[in-house]
Amino acid sequence: MSLVTPVEVVPADRLGRVHFVGIGGAGMSGIARIMLGRGIPVSGSDAKDSDLLADLRELGATTYVGHAAEHVGDATTVVVSTAIRETNPELAAARERGLLVLHRAAALASLMDGRRSVAVAGTHGKTTTTSMLTVALQHAGADPSYCIGGQLVTTGLGAADGSGDLFVAEADESDGSFLMFAPKVAIVTNVEADHLDNYASFEKVKETFARFAERVQPGGLLVVCADDPVARALGEDGARRGLTVRTYGEAADADYRVTGFTPQGFGSRFTVGERELRLSVPGRHYALNATAAYATAVELGVSADAVAEGLAGFTGARRRLEPKGEAGDVRVFDSYAHHPTELAADLRATRDYVSGLGGGRIIAVFQPHLFSRTKFFGAEFGAALGLADEVVVLDVFPAREDPIPGVTGELVADAVPHDGVVYEPDGNAAAGRVAAMAKPGDVIITMGAGDVTALGPKILELLGA
């Protein structure tokens, strides 16, 4: 995979009939859902059927299982993600016929055009912050359009076309496609080294985030985390360009300063300025995400009281420390964490939760995502997993990549700094191991961006749920 090249926004009314290659993905299906809501005819294909495809069919989309050139039909525009290779028969047919081919971010930018757009970027916390902001705005009656790289627990949706003039979108930096956006408002939660298969160095990551911040419209708003040095620097540069800049975080000089963070069960309370905020999701990192959402909504002119109430009612996004069930006084959660910083943050949040319950062990089941990421961060993954009491490491989930010789989940297992770790490449065997070792009071977390999420229900079944 390589960085995509930004293109000019194509007005949505010029897209004609749109065909999605890989329509079943979280991001692609969300864009398709919004287009259907606006009366744009949509078709699409995916490698396998799914609930998301079924939902789109109910909304009027024509969907196909499997890829074939004839599926493109009479489409005017074909939408692809970076994961779609040039050899895909539908993409090849679109190229041959001279159809308009758009990256999914360019298609999303077309839908955002003409709205007060809010783009949420950052190495970590994008999905949660976008979800929190969306829920808070909905509670305040703003009815925004939104497109999130995950699904809200409350609705099961990751995208919808709202009646209001705001459009909130998660901005993906992994392939540089967030440079397609020119938002009125941008949030940058943090900037760290990741996706080094694309960026080659952290310096390149920082340069690309700087270009994203420069895309904010003149006179726009930039909200950055004061605790993150790179995000802070982006804010300082934005202020020099005349943007309205607001900072948030635990730093003493933050405009929206977080103090008094206190875990409370599977949630927390903390103070932003003079206002106490409460959350029903755990962890200091989620408190920071909530503060980003709070600051942005208030700066957009939304009632602070309504925003606080909306955040208090936020019950999470799918796969973000999502409760999966309980059996025999053993609780199972699922986390999308797939970067060392994310693993550490979720494990610390879980430790706070377990301590509040009176103790118990944390059993982490981790599936590395991408061979390149495992190669670059194997030692860091191991160090983060050391925060758990027991660790089971699966083999690498390849996603879009071909294997790298010598790179397996064993690299991560070998880096865990205690003896409570096992490398088990077979998922079913891993579920059995975890169920056998679990004791009353323990918390089990399945972690990773791949199909490790399917192990939670298996573990619960083995525990007798």
Protein backbone atom coordinates (compact mmCIF):
# COMPACT_ATOMS: atom_id res chain seq x y z
CA MET A 1 0.00 0.00 0.00
CA SER A 2 1.18 3.54 -0.68
CA LEU A 3 -0.07 7.04 0.03
CA VAL A 4 -2.96 8.15 -2.14
CA THR A 5 -2.87 11.31 -4.20
CA PRO A 6 -5.41 13.99 -3.17
CA VAL A 7 -7.93 15.04 -5.81
CA GLU A 8 -10.36 17.90 -6.19
CA VAL A 9 -13.82 17.37 -4.71
CA VAL A 10 -16.39 16.08 -7.19
CA PRO A 11 -19.86 17.47 -6.37
CA ALA A 12 -22.17 14.66 -5.24
CA ASP A 13 -24.75 15.51 -7.92
CA ARG A 14 -22.16 14.64 -10.59
CA LEU A 15 -21.40 11.15 -9.33
CA GLY A 16 -24.26 9.44 -11.18
CA ARG A 17 -24.74 5.79 -10.27
CA VAL A 18 -22.00 4.73 -7.90
CA HIS A 19 -20.47 1.24 -7.66
CA PHE A 20 -18.41 0.30 -4.57
CA VAL A 21 -15.69 -2.35 -4.80
CA GLY A 22 -15.58 -3.78 -1.28
CA ILE A 23 -18.89 -2.28 -0.19
CA GLY A 24 -19.06 -4.45 2.93
CA GLY A 25 -16.27 -2.64 4.77
CA ALA A 26 -17.13 -0.37 7.68
CA GLY A 27 -16.07 2.82 5.91
CA MET A 28 -17.35 1.92 2.45
CA SER A 29 -20.76 0.75 3.66
CA GLY A 30 -21.17 3.96 5.63
CA ILE A 31 -20.53 6.13 2.59
CA ALA A 32 -22.92 3.98 0.56
CA ARG A 33 -25.58 4.35 3.27
CA ILE A 34 -25.34 8.15 3.13
CA MET A 35 -25.52 8.17 -0.67
CA LEU A 36 -28.64 6.01 -0.57
CA GLY A 37 -30.12 8.44 1.94
CA ARG A 38 -29.57 11.24 -0.57
CA GLY A 39 -31.16 9.34 -3.42
CA ILE A 40 -27.95 8.39 -5.21
CA PRO A 41 -28.26 4.95 -6.90
CA VAL A 42 -25.70 2.54 -5.42
CA SER A 43 -24.36 -0.92 -6.23
CA GLY A 44 -21.42 -2.80 -4.83
CA SER A 45 -19.62 -6.07 -4.34
CA ASP A 46 -17.72 -7.78 -1.56
CA ALA A 47 -15.87 -11.04 -1.10
CA LYS A 48 -18.56 -12.42 1.22
CA ASP A 49 -22.07 -11.64 2.33
CA SER A 50 -22.63 -9.88 5.65
CA ASP A 51 -25.18 -8.08 7.77
CA LEU A 52 -23.88 -4.78 6.36
CA LEU A 53 -24.63 -5.94 2.82
CA ALA A 54 -28.09 -7.06 3.91
CA ASP A 55 -28.74 -3.63 5.45
CA LEU A 56 -27.68 -1.89 2.24
CA ARG A 57 -29.93 -4.14 0.16
CA GLU A 58 -32.87 -3.16 2.37
CA LEU A 59 -32.02 0.49 1.69
CA GLY A 60 -32.12 -0.10 -2.07
CA ALA A 61 -28.56 -0.98 -3.04
CA THR A 62 -27.77 -3.71 -5.54
CA THR A 63 -25.10 -5.93 -4.00
CA TYR A 64 -23.01 -8.84 -5.28
CA VAL A 65 -20.97 -11.49 -3.50
CA GLY A 66 -17.70 -11.93 -5.35
CA HIS A 67 -15.99 -9.64 -7.86
CA ALA A 68 -16.65 -9.63 -11.61
CA ALA A 69 -16.32 -6.99 -14.32
CA GLU A 70 -20.01 -7.16 -15.21
CA HIS A 71 -20.98 -6.05 -11.70
CA VAL A 72 -19.95 -2.50 -12.60
CA GLY A 73 -22.93 -2.34 -14.95
CA ASP A 74 -23.88 1.16 -16.04
CA ALA A 75 -22.11 2.90 -13.17
CA THR A 76 -20.71 6.38 -13.73
CA THR A 77 -18.42 6.34 -10.70
CA VAL A 78 -16.50 3.51 -9.04
CA VAL A 79 -15.35 3.85 -5.43
CA VAL A 80 -12.42 1.86 -4.07
CA SER A 81 -10.32 1.72 -0.92
CA THR A 82 -6.56 1.46 -0.78
CA ALA A 83 -6.95 -2.27 -0.11
CA ILE A 84 -8.36 -2.86 -3.62
CA ARG A 85 -5.60 -3.93 -5.98
CA GLU A 86 -5.40 -2.82 -9.61
CA THR A 87 -5.92 -6.44 -10.68
CA ASN A 88 -9.45 -6.47 -9.24
CA PRO A 89 -11.70 -7.17 -12.26
CA GLU A 90 -14.19 -4.43 -11.37
CA LEU A 91 -11.50 -1.79 -10.96
CA ALA A 92 -9.81 -2.98 -14.14
CA ALA A 93 -13.10 -2.69 -16.02
CA ALA A 94 -13.66 0.81 -14.67
CA ARG A 95 -10.19 1.87 -15.81
CA GLU A 96 -10.70 0.34 -19.25
CA ARG A 97 -14.03 2.13 -19.70
CA GLY A 98 -12.68 5.46 -18.48
CA LEU A 99 -15.12 5.72 -15.59
CA LEU A 100 -14.56 8.12 -12.71
CA VAL A 101 -12.63 6.17 -10.07
CA LEU A 102 -12.58 7.68 -6.58
CA HIS A 103 -10.86 6.67 -3.39
CA ARG A 104 -13.42 6.25 -0.63
CA ALA A 105 -12.14 9.41 1.10
CA ALA A 106 -12.75 11.42 -2.08
CA ALA A 107 -16.30 10.02 -2.22
CA LEU A 108 -16.82 11.01 1.41
CA ALA A 109 -15.44 14.49 0.68
CA SER A 110 -18.09 14.84 -2.04
CA LEU A 111 -20.79 14.16 0.55
CA MET A 112 -19.26 16.58 3.05
CA ASP A 113 -19.11 19.38 0.48
CA GLY A 114 -21.52 22.19 1.34
CA ARG A 115 -21.88 21.16 5.00
CA ARG A 116 -20.12 22.47 8.09
CA SER A 117 -17.61 19.64 8.07
CA VAL A 118 -15.74 18.37 11.11
CA ALA A 119 -12.85 15.97 10.45
CA VAL A 120 -11.43 13.99 13.38
CA ALA A 121 -7.82 12.86 12.95
CA GLY A 122 -5.12 11.31 15.10
CA THR A 123 -3.07 8.17 15.47
CA HIS A 124 -5.32 7.01 18.30
CA GLY A 125 -8.83 7.88 19.44
CA LYS A 126 -10.35 8.91 16.11
CA THR A 127 -13.28 6.52 16.19
CA THR A 128 -14.16 7.14 19.83
CA THR A 129 -13.85 10.93 19.52
CA THR A 130 -15.95 10.99 16.34
CA SER A 131 -18.55 8.77 18.02
CA MET A 132 -18.66 10.89 21.18
CA LEU A 133 -19.02 14.11 19.21
CA THR A 134 -21.78 12.60 17.08
CA VAL A 135 -23.75 11.37 20.10
CA ALA A 136 -23.34 14.69 21.93
CA LEU A 137 -24.54 16.66 18.90
CA GLN A 138 -27.48 14.29 18.44
CA HIS A 139 -28.46 14.74 22.09
CA ALA A 140 -28.33 18.50 21.61
CA GLY A 141 -30.73 18.24 18.66
CA ALA A 142 -28.19 19.12 15.95
CA ASP A 143 -28.86 15.89 13.95
CA PRO A 144 -25.48 15.81 12.16
CA SER A 145 -24.54 13.61 9.26
CA TYR A 146 -21.71 11.34 10.33
CA CYS A 147 -19.34 8.70 9.04
CA ILE A 148 -17.33 6.74 11.61
CA GLY A 149 -14.81 3.96 11.16
CA GLY A 150 -16.79 1.85 13.59
CA GLN A 151 -20.33 1.41 14.85
CA LEU A 152 -22.19 3.07 17.70
CA VAL A 153 -23.30 0.57 20.33
CA THR A 154 -26.65 2.34 20.69
CA THR A 155 -27.69 2.20 17.03
CA GLY A 156 -25.38 -0.34 15.42
CA LEU A 157 -24.71 2.26 12.71
CA GLY A 158 -21.46 3.84 11.65
CA ALA A 159 -22.95 6.42 9.31
CA ALA A 160 -26.16 8.32 8.61
CA ASP A 161 -27.34 11.34 6.64
CA GLY A 162 -28.67 13.83 9.18
CA SER A 163 -30.96 16.77 8.60
CA GLY A 164 -28.60 19.32 10.18
CA ASP A 165 -25.84 21.31 8.51
CA LEU A 166 -23.00 19.59 10.41
CA PHE A 167 -21.11 16.62 9.00
CA VAL A 168 -18.76 14.75 11.36
CA ALA A 169 -16.28 12.34 9.79
CA GLU A 170 -13.39 10.21 10.96
CA ALA A 171 -10.30 11.16 8.97
CA ASP A 172 -7.99 8.23 8.22
CA GLU A 173 -4.29 8.99 8.07
CA SER A 174 -3.15 5.42 7.34
CA ASP A 175 -2.87 5.99 3.59
CA GLY A 176 -2.82 9.79 3.59
CA SER A 177 -6.40 9.93 2.36
CA PHE A 178 -7.39 12.48 5.00
CA LEU A 179 -5.72 15.00 2.71
CA MET A 180 -8.83 14.69 0.53
CA PHE A 181 -10.75 16.74 3.10
CA ALA A 182 -10.90 20.51 3.47
CA PRO A 183 -12.86 20.73 6.73
CA LYS A 184 -14.27 23.76 8.45
CA VAL A 185 -13.28 22.19 11.76
CA ALA A 186 -10.55 19.64 12.50
CA ILE A 187 -9.58 17.73 15.62
CA VAL A 188 -6.13 16.20 16.09
CA THR A 189 -6.00 13.88 19.09
CA ASN A 190 -2.33 12.86 18.86
CA VAL A 191 0.39 12.03 16.36
CA GLU A 192 2.64 8.98 16.75
CA ALA A 193 4.63 6.67 14.52
CA ASP A 194 2.36 4.16 12.75
CA HIS A 195 1.72 2.84 9.25
CA LEU A 196 5.45 2.95 8.63
CA ASP A 197 4.96 0.64 5.66
CA ASN A 198 3.58 3.75 3.97
CA TYR A 199 5.34 6.62 5.67
CA ALA A 200 8.86 5.17 6.08
CA SER A 201 9.58 7.47 9.05
CA PHE A 202 7.91 9.36 11.86
CA GLU A 203 9.05 12.60 10.24
CA LYS A 204 6.95 11.76 7.18
CA VAL A 205 3.95 11.06 9.45
CA LYS A 206 4.35 14.47 11.08
CA GLU A 207 4.71 16.20 7.72
CA THR A 208 1.48 14.63 6.47
CA PHE A 209 -0.45 15.64 9.59
CA ALA A 210 0.86 19.18 9.08
CA ARG A 211 -0.53 19.11 5.54
CA PHE A 212 -3.87 17.92 6.95
CA ALA A 213 -3.99 20.81 9.42
CA GLU A 214 -3.22 23.20 6.56
CA ARG A 215 -6.34 21.88 4.79
CA VAL A 216 -8.63 23.48 7.40
CA GLN A 217 -10.60 26.21 5.69
CA PRO A 218 -9.54 29.85 6.28
CA GLY A 219 -11.19 31.14 9.43
CA GLY A 220 -11.85 27.58 10.57
CA LEU A 221 -11.39 25.89 13.92
CA LEU A 222 -8.55 23.54 14.89
CA VAL A 223 -8.85 21.60 18.16
CA VAL A 224 -5.67 19.86 19.34
CA CYS A 225 -4.49 17.94 22.38
CA ALA A 226 -2.12 20.08 24.43
CA ASP A 227 -0.58 16.96 25.98
CA ASP A 228 0.74 15.72 22.64
CA PRO A 229 3.79 17.70 21.44
CA VAL A 230 3.12 17.21 17.73
CA ALA A 231 -0.58 18.10 18.01
CA ARG A 232 0.34 21.15 20.09
CA ALA A 233 2.81 22.28 17.42
CA LEU A 234 0.11 21.88 14.76
CA GLY A 235 -2.10 24.17 16.82
CA GLU A 236 0.64 26.78 17.10
CA ASP A 237 1.16 26.70 13.34
CA GLY A 238 -2.59 26.97 12.78
CA ALA A 239 -2.84 30.02 15.01
CA ARG A 240 -0.12 31.72 13.00
CA ARG A 241 -2.20 31.09 9.87
CA GLY A 242 -5.21 32.77 11.44
CA LEU A 243 -7.21 29.71 12.46
CA THR A 244 -9.15 29.67 15.70
CA VAL A 245 -7.24 27.15 17.80
CA ARG A 246 -8.44 25.51 21.00
CA THR A 247 -6.40 23.10 23.08
CA TYR A 248 -7.55 20.43 25.50
CA GLY A 249 -5.88 17.99 27.85
CA GLU A 250 -4.25 17.75 31.27
CA ALA A 251 -1.59 20.35 30.47
CA ALA A 252 -1.79 23.36 32.78
CA ASP A 253 -2.21 25.79 29.86
CA ALA A 254 -4.91 23.84 28.00
CA ASP A 255 -7.99 25.89 27.06
CA TYR A 256 -10.18 22.95 28.11
CA ARG A 257 -8.17 21.49 30.97
CA VAL A 258 -8.93 18.05 32.39
CA THR A 259 -8.48 17.68 36.15
CA GLY A 260 -9.63 15.34 38.88
CA PHE A 261 -9.89 12.19 36.77
CA THR A 262 -11.48 9.47 38.92
CA PRO A 263 -12.42 5.95 37.78
CA GLN A 264 -15.98 4.95 38.70
CA GLY A 265 -16.92 1.37 37.93
CA PHE A 266 -16.93 0.92 34.17
CA GLY A 267 -16.68 4.67 33.71
CA SER A 268 -15.17 7.82 35.17
CA ARG A 269 -15.78 11.37 36.28
CA PHE A 270 -13.52 14.37 35.76
CA THR A 271 -13.63 18.15 35.51
CA VAL A 272 -13.16 20.30 32.42
CA GLY A 273 -12.77 23.88 33.55
CA GLU A 274 -15.56 24.32 36.06
CA ARG A 275 -17.81 21.59 34.67
CA GLU A 276 -17.89 18.00 35.86
CA LEU A 277 -18.23 15.41 33.12
CA ARG A 278 -19.19 11.77 33.60
CA LEU A 279 -18.61 8.87 31.24
CA SER A 280 -19.89 5.31 31.06
CA VAL A 281 -16.67 4.10 29.42
CA PRO A 282 -13.42 3.65 31.37
CA GLY A 283 -9.98 5.12 31.04
CA ARG A 284 -8.11 8.40 31.09
CA HIS A 285 -7.71 8.23 27.29
CA TYR A 286 -11.48 8.16 26.86
CA ALA A 287 -11.77 11.18 29.16
CA LEU A 288 -9.41 13.04 26.82
CA ASN A 289 -11.43 11.95 23.79
CA ALA A 290 -14.60 13.17 25.48
CA THR A 291 -12.96 16.51 26.22
CA ALA A 292 -12.03 16.90 22.56
CA ALA A 293 -15.66 16.29 21.64
CA TYR A 294 -16.90 18.63 24.39
CA ALA A 295 -14.55 21.45 23.35
CA THR A 296 -15.46 21.13 19.68
CA ALA A 297 -19.22 21.07 20.26
CA VAL A 298 -19.09 24.07 22.62
CA GLU A 299 -16.95 26.02 20.14
CA LEU A 300 -19.55 25.21 17.49
CA GLY A 301 -22.10 26.99 19.67
CA VAL A 302 -23.86 23.95 21.11
CA SER A 303 -25.19 24.10 24.68
CA ALA A 304 -22.54 22.92 27.13
CA ASP A 305 -25.24 21.38 29.31
CA ALA A 306 -26.62 19.35 26.41
CA VAL A 307 -23.13 18.24 25.37
CA ALA A 308 -22.31 17.08 28.90
CA GLU A 309 -25.60 15.16 29.09
CA GLY A 310 -24.94 13.55 25.72
CA LEU A 311 -21.46 12.44 26.74
CA ALA A 312 -22.80 10.99 29.99
CA GLY A 313 -25.16 8.86 27.93
CA PHE A 314 -22.48 7.66 25.51
CA THR A 315 -22.27 3.88 25.81
CA GLY A 316 -19.35 3.31 23.51
CA ALA A 317 -18.44 2.30 19.99
CA ARG A 318 -18.24 -1.29 18.89
CA ARG A 319 -14.91 -2.95 19.64
CA ARG A 320 -13.73 -0.07 21.88
CA LEU A 321 -13.54 -1.92 25.22
CA GLU A 322 -16.94 -3.32 24.35
CA PRO A 323 -18.50 -5.63 26.96
CA LYS A 324 -19.24 -9.00 25.35
CA GLY A 325 -20.70 -10.86 28.32
CA GLU A 326 -20.09 -12.54 31.66
CA ALA A 327 -19.97 -16.16 32.79
CA GLY A 328 -18.99 -17.57 36.17
CA ASP A 329 -17.96 -14.13 37.43
CA VAL A 330 -15.56 -13.79 34.48
CA ARG A 331 -16.13 -10.74 32.31
CA VAL A 332 -15.17 -10.60 28.62
CA PHE A 333 -14.44 -7.43 26.66
CA ASP A 334 -13.34 -6.74 23.09
CA SER A 335 -10.88 -4.06 22.00
CA TYR A 336 -9.85 -2.86 18.54
CA ALA A 337 -6.46 -1.76 19.97
CA HIS A 338 -3.75 -2.61 17.43
CA HIS A 339 -0.92 -0.19 18.30
CA PRO A 340 1.22 -0.42 21.45
CA THR A 341 -0.06 2.88 22.81
CA GLU A 342 -3.65 1.70 22.36
CA LEU A 343 -3.00 -1.63 24.06
CA ALA A 344 -1.38 0.09 27.04
CA ALA A 345 -4.21 2.62 27.38
CA ASP A 346 -6.94 -0.03 27.32
CA LEU A 347 -5.06 -2.29 29.73
CA ARG A 348 -4.55 0.56 32.19
CA ALA A 349 -8.25 1.42 31.96
CA THR A 350 -9.11 -2.21 32.58
CA ARG A 351 -6.79 -2.30 35.59
CA ASP A 352 -8.70 0.64 37.08
CA TYR A 353 -11.93 -1.24 36.48
CA VAL A 354 -10.64 -4.50 37.98
CA SER A 355 -9.29 -2.67 41.01
CA GLY A 356 -12.72 -1.17 41.56
CA LEU A 357 -14.17 -4.66 41.58
CA GLY A 358 -11.80 -5.69 44.36
CA GLY A 359 -9.06 -7.30 42.32
CA GLY A 360 -8.77 -10.07 39.78
CA ARG A 361 -6.49 -10.81 36.88
CA ILE A 362 -6.44 -9.37 33.39
CA ILE A 363 -6.08 -11.96 30.62
CA ALA A 364 -5.20 -10.37 27.28
CA VAL A 365 -5.71 -12.25 24.01
CA PHE A 366 -3.83 -10.30 21.35
CA GLN A 367 -3.74 -10.73 17.59
CA PRO A 368 -1.08 -8.59 15.87
CA HIS A 369 -2.42 -6.73 12.82
CA LEU A 370 -0.22 -6.49 9.71
CA PHE A 371 3.20 -8.04 9.26
CA SER A 372 4.82 -4.64 8.83
CA ARG A 373 3.41 -3.26 12.08
CA THR A 374 4.48 -6.41 13.93
CA LYS A 375 7.98 -6.07 12.50
CA PHE A 376 8.28 -2.41 13.47
CA PHE A 377 6.62 -2.61 16.91
CA GLY A 378 7.08 -6.19 18.12
CA ALA A 379 9.07 -5.17 21.22
CA GLU A 380 6.68 -2.34 22.04
CA PHE A 381 3.67 -4.67 21.73
CA GLY A 382 5.29 -7.05 24.18
CA ALA A 383 6.03 -4.28 26.67
CA ALA A 384 2.43 -3.04 26.53
CA LEU A 385 1.03 -6.53 27.01
CA GLY A 386 3.16 -6.83 30.12
CA LEU A 387 0.45 -4.75 31.82
CA ALA A 388 -1.80 -7.83 31.70
CA ASP A 389 -1.37 -10.71 34.15
CA GLU A 390 -1.74 -13.44 31.54
CA VAL A 391 -1.22 -13.06 27.79
CA VAL A 392 -2.12 -15.25 24.83
CA VAL A 393 -0.67 -14.08 21.50
CA LEU A 394 -2.14 -15.26 18.20
CA ASP A 395 -0.43 -15.19 14.83
CA VAL A 396 -0.47 -12.08 12.64
CA PHE A 397 -3.71 -11.05 10.93
CA PRO A 398 -2.36 -10.20 7.44
CA ALA A 399 -5.21 -7.96 6.18
CA ARG A 400 -3.90 -6.42 2.95
CA GLU A 401 -0.27 -7.55 3.29
CA ASP A 402 1.80 -10.48 2.08
CA PRO A 403 3.84 -12.34 4.74
CA ILE A 404 7.29 -11.12 5.77
CA PRO A 405 9.72 -13.99 6.41
CA GLY A 406 10.34 -14.52 10.11
CA VAL A 407 7.57 -12.16 11.26
CA THR A 408 4.97 -13.98 13.36
CA GLY A 409 3.10 -13.40 16.59
CA GLU A 410 5.95 -15.17 18.36
CA LEU A 411 7.98 -11.94 18.05
CA VAL A 412 5.43 -10.27 20.29
CA ALA A 413 5.13 -13.16 22.73
CA ASP A 414 8.90 -13.27 23.18
CA ALA A 415 8.89 -9.56 24.09
CA VAL A 416 6.36 -9.81 26.95
CA PRO A 417 8.38 -9.06 30.11
CA HIS A 418 6.95 -11.81 32.33
CA ASP A 419 6.38 -15.56 32.19
CA GLY A 420 2.57 -15.44 31.96
CA VAL A 421 2.54 -15.56 28.17
CA VAL A 422 1.93 -18.19 25.53
CA TYR A 423 2.07 -18.05 21.74
CA GLU A 424 -0.90 -19.91 20.28
CA PRO A 425 -1.44 -19.36 16.54
CA ASP A 426 -4.68 -21.36 16.45
CA GLY A 427 -7.67 -19.24 17.47
CA ASN A 428 -9.86 -22.10 18.65
CA ALA A 429 -7.03 -23.52 20.75
CA ALA A 430 -6.41 -20.04 22.18
CA ALA A 431 -10.07 -19.76 23.22
CA GLY A 432 -9.78 -23.10 25.00
CA ARG A 433 -6.58 -22.08 26.79
CA VAL A 434 -8.13 -18.83 28.00
CA ALA A 435 -11.33 -20.46 29.22
CA ALA A 436 -9.29 -23.08 31.10
CA MET A 437 -7.11 -20.52 32.88
CA ALA A 438 -9.89 -18.06 33.80
CA LYS A 439 -10.92 -17.76 37.44
CA PRO A 440 -13.82 -15.90 39.10
CA GLY A 441 -13.08 -12.16 39.17
CA ASP A 442 -10.90 -12.23 36.06
CA VAL A 443 -11.38 -9.94 33.08
CA ILE A 444 -10.58 -11.25 29.59
CA ILE A 445 -9.90 -8.82 26.73
CA THR A 446 -9.62 -9.86 23.09
CA MET A 447 -7.44 -7.25 21.40
CA GLY A 448 -6.59 -6.46 17.78
CA ALA A 449 -8.03 -5.18 14.51
CA GLY A 450 -8.52 -8.61 12.93
CA ASP A 451 -10.84 -11.54 13.49
CA VAL A 452 -9.77 -12.00 17.12
CA THR A 453 -13.09 -10.32 17.87
CA ALA A 454 -14.79 -13.66 17.15
CA LEU A 455 -13.07 -15.33 20.11
CA GLY A 456 -15.02 -13.48 22.82
CA PRO A 457 -18.29 -15.35 22.18
CA LYS A 458 -16.39 -18.65 21.92
CA ILE A 459 -14.70 -18.05 25.26
CA LEU A 460 -18.04 -17.19 26.87
CA GLU A 461 -19.56 -20.37 25.46
CA LEU A 462 -16.71 -22.43 26.88
CA LEU A 463 -17.15 -20.72 30.24
CA GLY A 464 -20.78 -21.76 30.22
CA ALA A 465 -22.49 -18.45 29.50
